[in-house]
Amino acid sequence: MSGSAAAQSADVNEADVAGDDDAQEAGDAAEDTRQPCVLVFNAGDATGATGLSADALSIASVGAHMLGVTTGVYVRDTAQVFDHVALDEEQVAEQARAILEDVPVQAIKVGFAGSPDNLSLVAEVASDYPEVPVVAYMPNLSWWEDEPIDSYLDAFRELVLPQTAVLVGNHGTLRRWLLPDWDGDRPPTPRDIARAAGEHGVAYTLVTGILRPDGWLENVLASPQSTLLTEKYERLEAVFAGAGETLSAALAALLATGADLSAAATEALAYMDRCLDAGFRPGMGQVLPDRLFWAQPDDEEEDDDAVEPDPADFALPSHDTRH
């Protein structure tokens, strides 16, 4: 090889090495800026009240990224749920496997899985990642028929609860599910519910919607041994859809960021309260939490001298079909 050819080869090799170094540095930088990820099993909901769209907004709002696995689809409007169509277990499994082979996850949230078979798949995934905290949310299933409700709750109790770090649910929903034979002189306390959940392996239970004598609502984080956190909020007159979905998604995301449980629960509850306070009614049914309340301009920041644009300036052309 001539001297000039050797020099040229050396230059190319050095350039390759430099390129590799640059690529490695870029990869390291991307690694450093990667958001924590939450794997979510939940249904699709066209209204945005619940399901994956609600999870996505809540999780992004507190600084994490959702990896959504669709378990089925709600048929509903903003007033009520009419039906639910569950995906086949293998379809759910393929979604989960594909994303888990690519992206590391820092937390798992279980919403409505739609069927006992899908719950079995969720439990299998959770057991493969024992170091990843699982936040499980139990919604109100009163819209469903009794037989599928019973089958679903039994499967959730036997398969998902043993994998769950934090169970989230309304006081009435959790009481009817976990303490159906309660006959005490008083309603069960959050610790009573946490003890019942603890019998199935749940470490902590976040019980919401406890009506206080003063009319405020209380939310309590408890373990079978003690009460860790109590937060109370003013009761709003509106009927909301998606409050628990918002809370459980935010909690899972905050745990994914590395926050400790008490701090994550406190922040998630505060976030939910702000979402409800800014709630809106997109249709004729219930009020939805505004999970992007923080993106709305403050009234004080609005410029009184600003000129309102003429809507006609932004008119879209008709989309009538022409043949």
C-alpha atoms as a PDB file:
ATOM      1  CA  MET A   1       0.000   0.000   0.000  1.00  0.00           C
ATOM      2  CA  SER A   2       1.351   3.432  -0.905  1.00  0.00           C
ATOM      3  CA  GLY A   3       1.975   6.053   1.753  1.00  0.00           C
ATOM      4  CA  SER A   4      -0.882   8.214   0.512  1.00  0.00           C
ATOM      5  CA  ALA A   5      -3.285   5.260   0.498  1.00  0.00           C
ATOM      6  CA  ALA A   6      -2.241   4.282   4.030  1.00  0.00           C
ATOM      7  CA  ALA A   7      -2.730   7.830   5.229  1.00  0.00           C
ATOM      8  CA  GLN A   8      -6.148   7.957   3.603  1.00  0.00           C
ATOM      9  CA  SER A   9      -7.121   4.659   5.261  1.00  0.00           C
ATOM     10  CA  ALA A  10      -5.970   5.940   8.632  1.00  0.00           C
ATOM     11  CA  ASP A  11      -8.019   9.104   8.154  1.00  0.00           C
ATOM     12  CA  VAL A  12     -11.130   7.055   7.340  1.00  0.00           C
ATOM     13  CA  ASN A  13     -10.612   4.827  10.382  1.00  0.00           C
ATOM     14  CA  GLU A  14     -10.176   7.826  12.645  1.00  0.00           C
ATOM     15  CA  ALA A  15     -13.339   9.343  11.186  1.00  0.00           C
ATOM     16  CA  ASP A  16     -15.219   6.102  11.874  1.00  0.00           C
ATOM     17  CA  VAL A  17     -13.994   6.094  15.463  1.00  0.00           C
ATOM     18  CA  ALA A  18     -14.949   9.730  15.869  1.00  0.00           C
ATOM     19  CA  GLY A  19     -18.369   8.988  14.392  1.00  0.00           C
ATOM     20  CA  ASP A  20     -18.825   6.095  16.797  1.00  0.00           C
ATOM     21  CA  ASP A  21     -17.849   8.327  19.708  1.00  0.00           C
ATOM     22  CA  ASP A  22     -20.321  11.004  18.612  1.00  0.00           C
ATOM     23  CA  ALA A  23     -23.067   8.415  18.260  1.00  0.00           C
ATOM     24  CA  GLN A  24     -22.269   7.040  21.713  1.00  0.00           C
ATOM     25  CA  GLU A  25     -22.342  10.522  23.233  1.00  0.00           C
ATOM     26  CA  ALA A  26     -25.657  11.234  21.519  1.00  0.00           C
ATOM     27  CA  GLY A  27     -27.025   7.956  22.819  1.00  0.00           C
ATOM     28  CA  ASP A  28     -25.825   8.742  26.333  1.00  0.00           C
ATOM     29  CA  ALA A  29     -27.451  12.177  26.148  1.00  0.00           C
ATOM     30  CA  ALA A  30     -30.730  10.655  24.995  1.00  0.00           C
ATOM     31  CA  GLU A  31     -30.493   8.141  27.836  1.00  0.00           C
ATOM     32  CA  ASP A  32     -30.041  10.962  30.344  1.00  0.00           C
ATOM     33  CA  THR A  33     -33.100  12.871  29.078  1.00  0.00           C
ATOM     34  CA  ARG A  34     -35.434   9.883  28.734  1.00  0.00           C
ATOM     35  CA  GLN A  35     -38.690  10.299  30.657  1.00  0.00           C
ATOM     36  CA  PRO A  36     -39.798   7.632  33.119  1.00  0.00           C
ATOM     37  CA  CYS A  37     -42.341   5.326  31.502  1.00  0.00           C
ATOM     38  CA  VAL A  38     -45.569   3.864  32.855  1.00  0.00           C
ATOM     39  CA  LEU A  39     -47.049   0.739  31.293  1.00  0.00           C
ATOM     40  CA  VAL A  40     -50.833   1.065  31.396  1.00  0.00           C
ATOM     41  CA  PHE A  41     -53.441  -1.616  30.794  1.00  0.00           C
ATOM     42  CA  ASN A  42     -56.773   0.071  30.151  1.00  0.00           C
ATOM     43  CA  ALA A  43     -59.673   0.446  27.744  1.00  0.00           C
ATOM     44  CA  GLY A  44     -60.251   3.002  25.045  1.00  0.00           C
ATOM     45  CA  ASP A  45     -62.850   5.656  25.833  1.00  0.00           C
ATOM     46  CA  ALA A  46     -64.043   7.974  23.076  1.00  0.00           C
ATOM     47  CA  THR A  47     -65.249  10.585  25.592  1.00  0.00           C
ATOM     48  CA  GLY A  48     -61.840  11.007  27.221  1.00  0.00           C
ATOM     49  CA  ALA A  49     -63.457  10.670  30.644  1.00  0.00           C
ATOM     50  CA  THR A  50     -61.659   7.452  31.529  1.00  0.00           C
ATOM     51  CA  GLY A  51     -59.414   4.900  29.885  1.00  0.00           C
ATOM     52  CA  LEU A  52     -56.146   5.370  28.068  1.00  0.00           C
ATOM     53  CA  SER A  53     -56.726   8.932  26.883  1.00  0.00           C
ATOM     54  CA  ALA A  54     -57.346  10.044  30.467  1.00  0.00           C
ATOM     55  CA  ASP A  55     -54.252   8.155  31.610  1.00  0.00           C
ATOM     56  CA  ALA A  56     -52.083   9.693  28.904  1.00  0.00           C
ATOM     57  CA  LEU A  57     -52.955  13.265  29.883  1.00  0.00           C
ATOM     58  CA  SER A  58     -52.575  12.640  33.605  1.00  0.00           C
ATOM     59  CA  ILE A  59     -49.256  10.824  33.270  1.00  0.00           C
ATOM     60  CA  ALA A  60     -47.770  13.424  30.925  1.00  0.00           C
ATOM     61  CA  SER A  61     -48.911  16.253  33.189  1.00  0.00           C
ATOM     62  CA  VAL A  62     -46.809  15.023  36.102  1.00  0.00           C
ATOM     63  CA  GLY A  63     -43.705  14.302  34.039  1.00  0.00           C
ATOM     64  CA  ALA A  64     -43.808  10.741  32.732  1.00  0.00           C
ATOM     65  CA  HIS A  65     -44.620   8.942  29.485  1.00  0.00           C
ATOM     66  CA  MET A  66     -47.459   6.453  29.012  1.00  0.00           C
ATOM     67  CA  LEU A  67     -47.040   3.144  27.226  1.00  0.00           C
ATOM     68  CA  GLY A  68     -50.667   2.254  26.628  1.00  0.00           C
ATOM     69  CA  VAL A  69     -51.869  -1.314  26.113  1.00  0.00           C
ATOM     70  CA  THR A  70     -55.471  -1.377  24.911  1.00  0.00           C
ATOM     71  CA  THR A  71     -57.539  -4.045  26.655  1.00  0.00           C
ATOM     72  CA  GLY A  72     -60.846  -3.203  25.006  1.00  0.00           C
ATOM     73  CA  VAL A  73     -63.170  -0.358  24.120  1.00  0.00           C
ATOM     74  CA  TYR A  74     -65.941   1.320  26.083  1.00  0.00           C
ATOM     75  CA  VAL A  75     -69.193   2.102  24.318  1.00  0.00           C
ATOM     76  CA  ARG A  76     -70.322   5.175  26.212  1.00  0.00           C
ATOM     77  CA  ASP A  77     -71.148   8.848  26.247  1.00  0.00           C
ATOM     78  CA  THR A  78     -70.397  11.384  28.960  1.00  0.00           C
ATOM     79  CA  ALA A  79     -73.452  10.308  30.971  1.00  0.00           C
ATOM     80  CA  GLN A  80     -73.085   6.523  31.150  1.00  0.00           C
ATOM     81  CA  VAL A  81     -71.386   3.374  29.952  1.00  0.00           C
ATOM     82  CA  PHE A  82     -73.549   1.286  27.613  1.00  0.00           C
ATOM     83  CA  ASP A  83     -71.186  -1.590  26.934  1.00  0.00           C
ATOM     84  CA  HIS A  84     -67.591  -2.707  26.723  1.00  0.00           C
ATOM     85  CA  VAL A  85     -65.900  -4.813  24.058  1.00  0.00           C
ATOM     86  CA  ALA A  86     -62.866  -6.669  25.406  1.00  0.00           C
ATOM     87  CA  LEU A  87     -59.912  -7.566  23.219  1.00  0.00           C
ATOM     88  CA  ASP A  88     -58.704 -11.144  23.083  1.00  0.00           C
ATOM     89  CA  GLU A  89     -56.010 -12.039  25.605  1.00  0.00           C
ATOM     90  CA  GLU A  90     -53.479 -12.793  22.869  1.00  0.00           C
ATOM     91  CA  GLN A  91     -54.070  -9.380  21.264  1.00  0.00           C
ATOM     92  CA  VAL A  92     -53.376  -7.713  24.586  1.00  0.00           C
ATOM     93  CA  ALA A  93     -50.337  -9.920  25.180  1.00  0.00           C
ATOM     94  CA  GLU A  94     -48.810  -9.044  21.796  1.00  0.00           C
ATOM     95  CA  GLN A  95     -49.078  -5.334  22.564  1.00  0.00           C
ATOM     96  CA  ALA A  96     -47.440  -5.743  25.963  1.00  0.00           C
ATOM     97  CA  ARG A  97     -44.640  -8.001  24.724  1.00  0.00           C
ATOM     98  CA  ALA A  98     -43.770  -5.673  21.855  1.00  0.00           C
ATOM     99  CA  ILE A  99     -43.348  -2.595  24.019  1.00  0.00           C
ATOM    100  CA  LEU A 100     -41.651  -4.372  26.938  1.00  0.00           C
ATOM    101  CA  GLU A 101     -38.985  -5.788  24.634  1.00  0.00           C
ATOM    102  CA  ASP A 102     -38.154  -2.236  23.580  1.00  0.00           C
ATOM    103  CA  VAL A 103     -38.734   0.151  26.496  1.00  0.00           C
ATOM    104  CA  PRO A 104     -37.878  -0.212  30.198  1.00  0.00           C
ATOM    105  CA  VAL A 105     -40.774   0.689  32.481  1.00  0.00           C
ATOM    106  CA  GLN A 106     -40.676   2.256  35.935  1.00  0.00           C
ATOM    107  CA  ALA A 107     -44.289   1.623  36.979  1.00  0.00           C
ATOM    108  CA  ILE A 108     -47.368  -0.304  35.883  1.00  0.00           C
ATOM    109  CA  LYS A 109     -50.938   0.937  36.119  1.00  0.00           C
ATOM    110  CA  VAL A 110     -53.871  -1.463  35.853  1.00  0.00           C
ATOM    111  CA  GLY A 111     -57.152   0.107  34.821  1.00  0.00           C
ATOM    112  CA  PHE A 112     -60.096  -1.796  33.371  1.00  0.00           C
ATOM    113  CA  ALA A 113     -58.829  -4.982  31.718  1.00  0.00           C
ATOM    114  CA  GLY A 114     -62.235  -6.102  30.489  1.00  0.00           C
ATOM    115  CA  SER A 115     -62.076  -9.843  31.194  1.00  0.00           C
ATOM    116  CA  PRO A 116     -60.612 -12.417  33.596  1.00  0.00           C
ATOM    117  CA  ASP A 117     -58.357 -13.687  30.794  1.00  0.00           C
ATOM    118  CA  ASN A 118     -56.849 -10.237  30.354  1.00  0.00           C
ATOM    119  CA  LEU A 119     -56.388  -9.939  34.109  1.00  0.00           C
ATOM    120  CA  SER A 120     -54.447 -13.197  34.010  1.00  0.00           C
ATOM    121  CA  LEU A 121     -52.171 -11.707  31.355  1.00  0.00           C
ATOM    122  CA  VAL A 122     -51.700  -8.520  33.405  1.00  0.00           C
ATOM    123  CA  ALA A 123     -50.750 -10.564  36.465  1.00  0.00           C
ATOM    124  CA  GLU A 124     -48.275 -12.579  34.409  1.00  0.00           C
ATOM    125  CA  VAL A 125     -46.593  -9.418  33.121  1.00  0.00           C
ATOM    126  CA  ALA A 126     -46.432  -7.901  36.611  1.00  0.00           C
ATOM    127  CA  SER A 127     -44.873 -11.072  38.025  1.00  0.00           C
ATOM    128  CA  ASP A 128     -42.119 -10.864  35.394  1.00  0.00           C
ATOM    129  CA  TYR A 129     -41.157  -7.410  36.716  1.00  0.00           C
ATOM    130  CA  PRO A 130     -41.272  -7.771  40.515  1.00  0.00           C
ATOM    131  CA  GLU A 131     -39.169  -4.642  41.039  1.00  0.00           C
ATOM    132  CA  VAL A 132     -41.692  -2.431  39.186  1.00  0.00           C
ATOM    133  CA  PRO A 133     -44.497  -1.035  41.403  1.00  0.00           C
ATOM    134  CA  VAL A 134     -48.051  -1.834  40.318  1.00  0.00           C
ATOM    135  CA  VAL A 135     -50.837   0.693  40.914  1.00  0.00           C
ATOM    136  CA  ALA A 136     -54.218  -0.974  40.463  1.00  0.00           C
ATOM    137  CA  TYR A 137     -57.420   1.029  40.120  1.00  0.00           C
ATOM    138  CA  MET A 138     -60.850  -0.488  40.698  1.00  0.00           C
ATOM    139  CA  PRO A 139     -63.562   1.560  38.984  1.00  0.00           C
ATOM    140  CA  ASN A 140     -67.282   1.441  39.633  1.00  0.00           C
ATOM    141  CA  LEU A 141     -68.612  -1.468  37.542  1.00  0.00           C
ATOM    142  CA  SER A 142     -72.316  -0.998  38.297  1.00  0.00           C
ATOM    143  CA  TRP A 143     -73.051  -0.491  34.577  1.00  0.00           C
ATOM    144  CA  TRP A 144     -72.104  -4.147  33.934  1.00  0.00           C
ATOM    145  CA  GLU A 145     -74.169  -7.310  34.388  1.00  0.00           C
ATOM    146  CA  ASP A 146     -73.840  -9.153  37.715  1.00  0.00           C
ATOM    147  CA  GLU A 147     -72.252 -12.313  36.326  1.00  0.00           C
ATOM    148  CA  PRO A 148     -69.329 -10.664  34.494  1.00  0.00           C
ATOM    149  CA  ILE A 149     -68.821  -8.325  37.467  1.00  0.00           C
ATOM    150  CA  ASP A 150     -68.459 -11.241  39.847  1.00  0.00           C
ATOM    151  CA  SER A 151     -66.087 -13.116  37.534  1.00  0.00           C
ATOM    152  CA  TYR A 152     -63.980 -10.003  36.992  1.00  0.00           C
ATOM    153  CA  LEU A 153     -63.763  -9.104  40.683  1.00  0.00           C
ATOM    154  CA  ASP A 154     -62.860 -12.674  41.632  1.00  0.00           C
ATOM    155  CA  ALA A 155     -60.067 -12.749  39.059  1.00  0.00           C
ATOM    156  CA  PHE A 156     -58.802  -9.329  40.114  1.00  0.00           C
ATOM    157  CA  ARG A 157     -58.730 -10.427  43.742  1.00  0.00           C
ATOM    158  CA  GLU A 158     -56.946 -13.699  43.060  1.00  0.00           C
ATOM    159  CA  LEU A 159     -54.559 -12.657  40.277  1.00  0.00           C
ATOM    160  CA  VAL A 160     -53.863  -8.914  40.370  1.00  0.00           C
ATOM    161  CA  LEU A 161     -54.036  -7.976  44.047  1.00  0.00           C
ATOM    162  CA  PRO A 162     -51.081 -10.230  44.990  1.00  0.00           C
ATOM    163  CA  GLN A 163     -48.980  -8.195  42.523  1.00  0.00           C
ATOM    164  CA  THR A 164     -50.291  -4.794  43.638  1.00  0.00           C
ATOM    165  CA  ALA A 165     -48.257  -2.249  45.579  1.00  0.00           C
ATOM    166  CA  VAL A 166     -51.031   0.366  45.801  1.00  0.00           C
ATOM    167  CA  LEU A 167     -54.745  -0.249  45.311  1.00  0.00           C
ATOM    168  CA  VAL A 168     -56.798   2.861  44.494  1.00  0.00           C
ATOM    169  CA  GLY A 169     -60.573   3.118  44.671  1.00  0.00           C
ATOM    170  CA  ASN A 170     -63.605   4.893  46.027  1.00  0.00           C
ATOM    171  CA  HIS A 171     -64.593   3.967  49.582  1.00  0.00           C
ATOM    172  CA  GLY A 172     -67.990   2.610  48.538  1.00  0.00           C
ATOM    173  CA  THR A 173     -66.602   0.577  45.641  1.00  0.00           C
ATOM    174  CA  LEU A 174     -63.830  -0.993  47.710  1.00  0.00           C
ATOM    175  CA  ARG A 175     -66.122  -1.667  50.673  1.00  0.00           C
ATOM    176  CA  ARG A 176     -68.687  -3.526  48.564  1.00  0.00           C
ATOM    177  CA  TRP A 177     -65.935  -5.543  46.892  1.00  0.00           C
ATOM    178  CA  LEU A 178     -63.547  -6.372  49.727  1.00  0.00           C
ATOM    179  CA  LEU A 179     -65.924  -6.291  52.705  1.00  0.00           C
ATOM    180  CA  PRO A 180     -69.271  -7.440  51.306  1.00  0.00           C
ATOM    181  CA  ASP A 181     -70.385  -8.955  54.616  1.00  0.00           C
ATOM    182  CA  TRP A 182     -69.505  -5.972  56.785  1.00  0.00           C
ATOM    183  CA  ASP A 183     -72.088  -5.698  59.551  1.00  0.00           C
ATOM    184  CA  GLY A 184     -70.436  -3.301  61.966  1.00  0.00           C
ATOM    185  CA  ASP A 185     -72.220  -0.435  63.659  1.00  0.00           C
ATOM    186  CA  ARG A 186     -70.102   1.987  61.668  1.00  0.00           C
ATOM    187  CA  PRO A 187     -68.866   2.043  58.069  1.00  0.00           C
ATOM    188  CA  PRO A 188     -65.471   0.372  57.590  1.00  0.00           C
ATOM    189  CA  THR A 189     -62.521   2.703  57.983  1.00  0.00           C
ATOM    190  CA  PRO A 190     -59.777   3.006  55.363  1.00  0.00           C
ATOM    191  CA  ARG A 191     -57.627   0.787  57.570  1.00  0.00           C
ATOM    192  CA  ASP A 192     -60.363  -1.845  57.615  1.00  0.00           C
ATOM    193  CA  ILE A 193     -60.352  -1.781  53.821  1.00  0.00           C
ATOM    194  CA  ALA A 194     -56.535  -1.801  53.733  1.00  0.00           C
ATOM    195  CA  ARG A 195     -56.511  -4.838  56.010  1.00  0.00           C
ATOM    196  CA  ALA A 196     -58.959  -6.624  53.716  1.00  0.00           C
ATOM    197  CA  ALA A 197     -56.790  -5.778  50.697  1.00  0.00           C
ATOM    198  CA  GLY A 198     -53.682  -6.780  52.634  1.00  0.00           C
ATOM    199  CA  GLU A 199     -55.059 -10.288  53.059  1.00  0.00           C
ATOM    200  CA  HIS A 200     -54.585 -10.644  49.305  1.00  0.00           C
ATOM    201  CA  GLY A 201     -51.087  -9.174  49.248  1.00  0.00           C
ATOM    202  CA  VAL A 202     -51.707  -5.445  48.766  1.00  0.00           C
ATOM    203  CA  ALA A 203     -49.175  -3.321  50.631  1.00  0.00           C
ATOM    204  CA  TYR A 204     -51.068   0.018  50.552  1.00  0.00           C
ATOM    205  CA  THR A 205     -54.595   1.169  49.746  1.00  0.00           C
ATOM    206  CA  LEU A 206     -55.587   4.701  48.753  1.00  0.00           C
ATOM    207  CA  VAL A 207     -59.247   5.091  49.695  1.00  0.00           C
ATOM    208  CA  THR A 208     -61.063   8.092  48.226  1.00  0.00           C
ATOM    209  CA  GLY A 209     -64.417   9.816  48.580  1.00  0.00           C
ATOM    210  CA  ILE A 210     -65.008   9.379  52.319  1.00  0.00           C
ATOM    211  CA  LEU A 211     -67.700  11.871  53.315  1.00  0.00           C
ATOM    212  CA  ARG A 212     -66.835  13.708  56.528  1.00  0.00           C
ATOM    213  CA  PRO A 213     -69.412  15.112  58.992  1.00  0.00           C
ATOM    214  CA  ASP A 214     -68.428  18.637  57.939  1.00  0.00           C
ATOM    215  CA  GLY A 215     -69.304  17.899  54.301  1.00  0.00           C
ATOM    216  CA  TRP A 216     -65.735  17.704  53.049  1.00  0.00           C
ATOM    217  CA  LEU A 217     -64.344  14.634  51.294  1.00  0.00           C
ATOM    218  CA  GLU A 218     -61.454  12.727  52.811  1.00  0.00           C
ATOM    219  CA  ASN A 219     -58.879  10.596  51.008  1.00  0.00           C
ATOM    220  CA  VAL A 220     -56.711   8.242  53.042  1.00  0.00           C
ATOM    221  CA  LEU A 221     -53.585   6.252  52.246  1.00  0.00           C
ATOM    222  CA  ALA A 222     -53.388   3.287  54.603  1.00  0.00           C
ATOM    223  CA  SER A 223     -51.580   0.036  55.138  1.00  0.00           C
ATOM    224  CA  PRO A 224     -52.946  -2.906  57.127  1.00  0.00           C
ATOM    225  CA  GLN A 225     -50.907  -1.618  60.078  1.00  0.00           C
ATOM    226  CA  SER A 226     -51.407   2.152  60.004  1.00  0.00           C
ATOM    227  CA  THR A 227     -52.738   5.278  58.336  1.00  0.00           C
ATOM    228  CA  LEU A 228     -49.974   6.982  56.384  1.00  0.00           C
ATOM    229  CA  LEU A 229     -51.698  10.013  54.925  1.00  0.00           C
ATOM    230  CA  THR A 230     -55.004  11.851  55.214  1.00  0.00           C
ATOM    231  CA  GLU A 231     -56.022  14.682  52.886  1.00  0.00           C
ATOM    232  CA  LYS A 232     -59.377  16.426  52.823  1.00  0.00           C
ATOM    233  CA  TYR A 233     -60.874  18.528  50.051  1.00  0.00           C
ATOM    234  CA  GLU A 234     -63.987  20.610  49.637  1.00  0.00           C
ATOM    235  CA  ARG A 235     -66.811  18.641  48.085  1.00  0.00           C
ATOM    236  CA  LEU A 236     -67.796  19.919  44.649  1.00  0.00           C
ATOM    237  CA  GLU A 237     -71.422  19.865  43.591  1.00  0.00           C
ATOM    238  CA  ALA A 238     -70.788  18.489  40.104  1.00  0.00           C
ATOM    239  CA  VAL A 239     -70.882  14.781  39.228  1.00  0.00           C
ATOM    240  CA  PHE A 240     -67.550  13.793  37.711  1.00  0.00           C
ATOM    241  CA  ALA A 241     -66.459  10.980  35.430  1.00  0.00           C
ATOM    242  CA  GLY A 242     -62.808   9.946  35.612  1.00  0.00           C
ATOM    243  CA  ALA A 243     -61.624  11.280  38.964  1.00  0.00           C
ATOM    244  CA  GLY A 244     -60.211   7.954  40.159  1.00  0.00           C
ATOM    245  CA  GLU A 245     -58.643   7.294  36.778  1.00  0.00           C
ATOM    246  CA  THR A 246     -56.878  10.642  37.039  1.00  0.00           C
ATOM    247  CA  LEU A 247     -55.624   9.990  40.557  1.00  0.00           C
ATOM    248  CA  SER A 248     -54.329   6.478  39.931  1.00  0.00           C
ATOM    249  CA  ALA A 249     -52.549   7.463  36.714  1.00  0.00           C
ATOM    250  CA  ALA A 250     -50.872  10.453  38.366  1.00  0.00           C
ATOM    251  CA  LEU A 251     -49.816   8.310  41.330  1.00  0.00           C
ATOM    252  CA  ALA A 252     -48.267   5.665  39.075  1.00  0.00           C
ATOM    253  CA  ALA A 253     -46.421   8.349  37.108  1.00  0.00           C
ATOM    254  CA  LEU A 254     -45.050  10.024  40.224  1.00  0.00           C
ATOM    255  CA  LEU A 255     -43.831   6.683  41.565  1.00  0.00           C
ATOM    256  CA  ALA A 256     -42.168   6.141  38.197  1.00  0.00           C
ATOM    257  CA  THR A 257     -40.247   9.389  38.644  1.00  0.00           C
ATOM    258  CA  GLY A 258     -38.774   8.033  41.888  1.00  0.00           C
ATOM    259  CA  ALA A 259     -40.951   9.903  44.376  1.00  0.00           C
ATOM    260  CA  ASP A 260     -41.596   8.133  47.671  1.00  0.00           C
ATOM    261  CA  LEU A 261     -45.136   6.894  48.237  1.00  0.00           C
ATOM    262  CA  SER A 262     -46.333   9.559  50.702  1.00  0.00           C
ATOM    263  CA  ALA A 263     -45.018  12.412  48.571  1.00  0.00           C
ATOM    264  CA  ALA A 264     -46.407  10.828  45.397  1.00  0.00           C
ATOM    265  CA  ALA A 265     -49.843  10.333  46.967  1.00  0.00           C
ATOM    266  CA  THR A 266     -49.932  13.900  48.282  1.00  0.00           C
ATOM    267  CA  GLU A 267     -49.009  15.355  44.892  1.00  0.00           C
ATOM    268  CA  ALA A 268     -51.369  13.057  42.996  1.00  0.00           C
ATOM    269  CA  LEU A 269     -54.279  14.045  45.242  1.00  0.00           C
ATOM    270  CA  ALA A 270     -53.479  17.730  44.822  1.00  0.00           C
ATOM    271  CA  TYR A 271     -53.290  17.257  41.044  1.00  0.00           C
ATOM    272  CA  MET A 272     -56.668  15.497  40.995  1.00  0.00           C
ATOM    273  CA  ASP A 273     -58.226  18.263  43.075  1.00  0.00           C
ATOM    274  CA  ARG A 274     -56.979  20.921  40.651  1.00  0.00           C
ATOM    275  CA  CYS A 275     -58.273  18.874  37.709  1.00  0.00           C
ATOM    276  CA  LEU A 276     -61.726  18.625  39.277  1.00  0.00           C
ATOM    277  CA  ASP A 277     -61.766  22.276  40.242  1.00  0.00           C
ATOM    278  CA  ALA A 278     -61.165  23.164  36.581  1.00  0.00           C
ATOM    279  CA  GLY A 279     -63.565  20.502  35.301  1.00  0.00           C
ATOM    280  CA  PHE A 280     -65.666  21.016  32.188  1.00  0.00           C
ATOM    281  CA  ARG A 281     -68.755  19.449  30.619  1.00  0.00           C
ATOM    282  CA  PRO A 282     -68.108  18.614  26.953  1.00  0.00           C
ATOM    283  CA  GLY A 283     -71.520  17.038  26.407  1.00  0.00           C
ATOM    284  CA  MET A 284     -74.852  16.653  28.158  1.00  0.00           C
ATOM    285  CA  GLY A 285     -73.612  14.236  30.814  1.00  0.00           C
ATOM    286  CA  GLN A 286     -71.058  14.349  33.589  1.00  0.00           C
ATOM    287  CA  VAL A 287     -68.227  16.792  34.179  1.00  0.00           C
ATOM    288  CA  LEU A 288     -64.740  15.709  33.130  1.00  0.00           C
ATOM    289  CA  PRO A 289     -61.556  16.624  34.999  1.00  0.00           C
ATOM    290  CA  ASP A 290     -59.444  19.158  33.131  1.00  0.00           C
ATOM    291  CA  ARG A 291     -56.157  17.294  33.246  1.00  0.00           C
ATOM    292  CA  LEU A 292     -54.467  20.129  31.359  1.00  0.00           C
ATOM    293  CA  PHE A 293     -55.607  22.887  33.713  1.00  0.00           C
ATOM    294  CA  TRP A 294     -51.981  23.949  34.068  1.00  0.00           C
ATOM    295  CA  ALA A 295     -51.829  24.778  30.350  1.00  0.00           C
ATOM    296  CA  GLN A 296     -54.697  27.279  30.531  1.00  0.00           C
ATOM    297  CA  PRO A 297     -53.754  30.971  30.772  1.00  0.00           C
ATOM    298  CA  ASP A 298     -54.361  32.659  34.097  1.00  0.00           C
ATOM    299  CA  ASP A 299     -57.003  35.379  34.076  1.00  0.00           C
ATOM    300  CA  GLU A 300     -54.489  37.781  35.596  1.00  0.00           C
ATOM    301  CA  GLU A 301     -52.095  37.205  32.710  1.00  0.00           C
ATOM    302  CA  GLU A 302     -54.608  38.123  30.030  1.00  0.00           C
ATOM    303  CA  ASP A 303     -53.945  41.438  28.314  1.00  0.00           C
ATOM    304  CA  ASP A 304     -56.983  43.686  28.618  1.00  0.00           C
ATOM    305  CA  ASP A 305     -55.806  45.686  25.604  1.00  0.00           C
ATOM    306  CA  ALA A 306     -55.441  42.648  23.376  1.00  0.00           C
ATOM    307  CA  VAL A 307     -57.588  42.697  20.235  1.00  0.00           C
ATOM    308  CA  GLU A 308     -59.771  39.645  19.826  1.00  0.00           C
ATOM    309  CA  PRO A 309     -59.238  38.056  16.400  1.00  0.00           C
ATOM    310  CA  ASP A 310     -62.195  37.783  14.054  1.00  0.00           C
ATOM    311  CA  PRO A 311     -63.209  34.104  13.849  1.00  0.00           C
ATOM    312  CA  ALA A 312     -63.919  34.649  10.166  1.00  0.00           C
ATOM    313  CA  ASP A 313     -60.187  35.120   9.612  1.00  0.00           C
ATOM    314  CA  PHE A 314     -59.668  31.478  10.537  1.00  0.00           C
ATOM    315  CA  ALA A 315     -62.716  29.962   8.830  1.00  0.00           C
ATOM    316  CA  LEU A 316     -62.165  26.488   7.376  1.00  0.00           C
ATOM    317  CA  PRO A 317     -63.483  25.565   3.940  1.00  0.00           C
ATOM    318  CA  SER A 318     -66.489  23.273   3.732  1.00  0.00           C
ATOM    319  CA  HIS A 319     -65.682  19.574   3.617  1.00  0.00           C
ATOM    320  CA  ASP A 320     -68.849  18.533   1.815  1.00  0.00           C
ATOM    321  CA  THR A 321     -68.169  15.606  -0.476  1.00  0.00           C
ATOM    322  CA  ARG A 322     -68.424  16.409  -4.169  1.00  0.00           C
ATOM    323  CA  HIS A 323     -68.874  13.739  -6.821  1.00  0.00           C
END
